[in-house]
Structures are given as C-alpha cells and as structure tokens.
Protein backbone atom coordinates (compact mmCIF):
# COMPACT_ATOMS: atom_id res chain seq x y z
CA LEU A 1 4.73 -17.28 -1.29
CA MET A 2 4.18 -13.55 -1.83
CA VAL A 3 1.41 -12.82 -4.33
CA ALA A 4 1.03 -9.02 -4.34
CA HIS A 5 2.98 -5.94 -3.31
CA ALA A 6 2.81 -2.15 -3.11
CA THR A 7 5.54 0.40 -2.56
CA HIS A 8 4.97 3.73 -0.84
CA LYS A 9 7.64 6.40 -1.21
CA GLN A 10 7.80 9.83 0.37
CA LYS A 11 10.56 12.38 0.50
CA ASP A 12 12.25 11.00 3.63
CA PHE A 13 11.13 7.36 3.84
CA PHE A 14 9.55 4.45 2.03
CA PHE A 15 8.09 1.06 2.77
CA ILE A 16 6.84 -1.97 0.89
CA LEU A 17 3.69 -3.96 1.67
CA LEU A 18 3.87 -7.63 0.72
CA GLN A 19 0.89 -9.98 0.74
CA SER A 20 1.23 -13.70 1.34
CA GLU A 21 -0.94 -16.33 -0.32
CA LEU A 22 -2.97 -16.42 2.93
CA GLY A 23 -3.82 -12.71 2.74
CA ASP A 24 -1.38 -11.54 5.44
CA LEU A 25 0.25 -8.15 4.81
CA TYR A 26 3.83 -7.54 5.86
CA LYS A 27 5.49 -4.13 6.03
CA VAL A 28 9.07 -4.21 4.81
CA THR A 29 11.50 -1.38 5.53
CA LEU A 30 15.20 -1.06 4.86
CA ALA A 31 17.77 0.31 7.29
CA TYR A 32 20.64 1.82 5.35
CA LYS A 33 23.61 4.15 5.56
CA SER A 34 24.50 6.00 2.37
CA ASP A 35 23.76 3.45 -0.34
CA VAL A 36 24.45 0.31 1.74
CA VAL A 37 21.55 -1.66 3.25
CA ASP A 38 22.27 -2.68 6.87
CA ALA A 39 19.04 -4.52 7.60
CA VAL A 40 15.74 -5.59 6.11
CA ASN A 41 12.93 -5.22 8.66
CA VAL A 42 9.73 -7.24 8.17
CA HIS A 43 6.69 -6.77 10.41
CA TYR A 44 3.24 -8.32 10.26
CA PHE A 45 0.81 -5.53 9.35
CA ASP A 46 -2.72 -6.93 8.81
CA THR A 47 -4.77 -9.52 6.95
CA VAL A 48 -6.92 -8.49 3.97
CA PRO A 49 -8.66 -10.42 1.19
CA LEU A 50 -6.30 -12.06 -1.29
CA ALA A 51 -5.43 -9.45 -3.92
CA THR A 52 -4.39 -9.35 -7.53
CA SER A 53 -3.00 -5.88 -6.88
CA LEU A 54 -2.35 -3.51 -3.97
CA CYS A 55 -1.97 0.26 -4.14
CA VAL A 56 -0.97 2.66 -1.34
CA LEU A 57 -2.34 6.12 -2.09
CA ARG A 58 -0.70 9.36 -0.95
CA ARG A 59 -3.79 10.42 1.00
CA GLY A 60 -3.41 7.48 3.40
CA PHE A 61 -5.53 4.77 1.77
CA LEU A 62 -4.80 1.21 0.74
CA PHE A 63 -6.69 -0.09 -2.29
CA VAL A 64 -7.03 -3.88 -2.46
CA ALA A 65 -8.08 -5.29 -5.85
CA ALA A 66 -9.41 -8.57 -4.46
CA GLN A 67 -9.30 -11.82 -6.42
CA ALA A 68 -12.57 -13.42 -5.35
CA GLU A 69 -14.66 -10.71 -3.69
CA ALA A 70 -15.40 -6.98 -3.79
CA HIS A 71 -12.44 -4.61 -4.01
CA ARG A 72 -11.80 -2.61 -0.85
CA PHE A 73 -10.34 0.63 0.47
CA TYR A 74 -8.70 0.85 3.89
CA GLN A 75 -7.65 4.06 5.59
CA PHE A 76 -4.39 4.22 7.55
CA ARG A 77 -4.20 5.85 10.97
CA GLY A 78 -0.51 4.98 11.18
CA ILE A 79 2.06 2.91 9.37
CA GLY A 80 2.69 0.39 12.11
CA ASP A 81 5.95 1.77 13.51
CA ASP A 82 4.69 1.88 17.09
CA SER A 83 2.73 -0.85 18.81
CA ASP A 84 0.19 1.84 19.84
CA ASP A 85 -0.47 2.93 16.23
CA GLN A 86 -3.89 1.99 14.96
CA TYR A 87 -5.58 2.32 11.63
CA GLU A 88 -9.20 2.34 10.64
CA ARG A 89 -10.62 -0.13 8.18
CA VAL A 90 -13.04 1.39 5.74
CA ALA A 91 -14.56 -1.09 3.31
CA VAL A 92 -16.05 0.55 0.23
CA PRO A 93 -17.92 -1.82 -2.10
CA LEU A 94 -17.10 -1.25 -5.77
CA ARG A 95 -19.00 -2.17 -8.90
CA ALA A 96 -17.34 -4.15 -11.70
CA ASP A 97 -16.61 -0.88 -13.56
CA GLY A 98 -14.67 0.46 -10.54
CA SER A 99 -17.27 3.00 -9.40
CA VAL A 100 -18.35 3.15 -5.76
CA ALA A 101 -21.56 1.18 -5.12
CA GLY A 102 -24.33 3.16 -3.39
CA ASP A 103 -24.66 6.87 -2.87
CA GLY A 104 -23.42 7.08 0.71
CA ASP A 105 -26.82 6.28 2.24
CA ASP A 106 -26.34 2.51 1.96
CA ASP A 107 -25.05 0.51 4.90
CA VAL A 108 -21.45 -0.53 4.36
CA ASP A 109 -20.05 -3.54 6.19
CA ASP A 110 -16.65 -2.47 7.51
CA ASP A 111 -15.92 -5.28 9.92
CA ASP A 112 -13.63 -8.26 9.43
CA ASP A 113 -16.36 -10.88 9.08
CA ASP A 114 -16.33 -12.87 5.86
CA ASP A 115 -19.73 -12.64 4.22
C-alpha cells in the first residue's frame, strides 16, 4: 500500500517518489515516445520515516513530514539513475510550528538509527 508521494518535474524529465506503508521510497519514471508510455520503471530508492506528506524541492532536498516523529530534510547527491550515485542524508529537527530547532550549534543526529 502506497501512503505518500511526491512528483518532481524539470524541463526535460520528471520522476515520482512513492512511499510504502513500511517507509520504503520507490522512484517511478516513465519511458515514453511522443504521448505514448512504453514502460513504467520502478526502483527502490531509500527508507525514511513514515510520512503524511513528501515534497521534493528544486534545490535538491526532500522534505518528509513524518507521522510519528520529527519532520526531516534530506539532501540529494543524485537521483538514483546510476548504481554509483549517492546522496547525503541531512536530518534537520523541526519544531511543531515548522521552524528549525536549534541555531546551528546544536548536535544534529543524521544517521539512520531510530531514537
């Protein structure tokens, strides 16, 4: 069951991120000629906290509005087209009002461990 999605569109390409009920993200792309879709490509992308909403920002960030924990930002290094592409995870704790917690001097936990 897919519970959240985000669409990213640029001039020459687009992709969709889908999140499963387990938190797994899948990148979906379409192969098409003219206006006819030839194939739907689905690739595992990453696992993030279960979200109520996802948003891919033009500057290369993914915002995850988490259901049961702090919202998070992740920064892309690539979009997963090549097996060598990597991306950096940057967790930014947010307050309930949406502002960034801390002033930059606080330690931020940016690893995958569940706290």
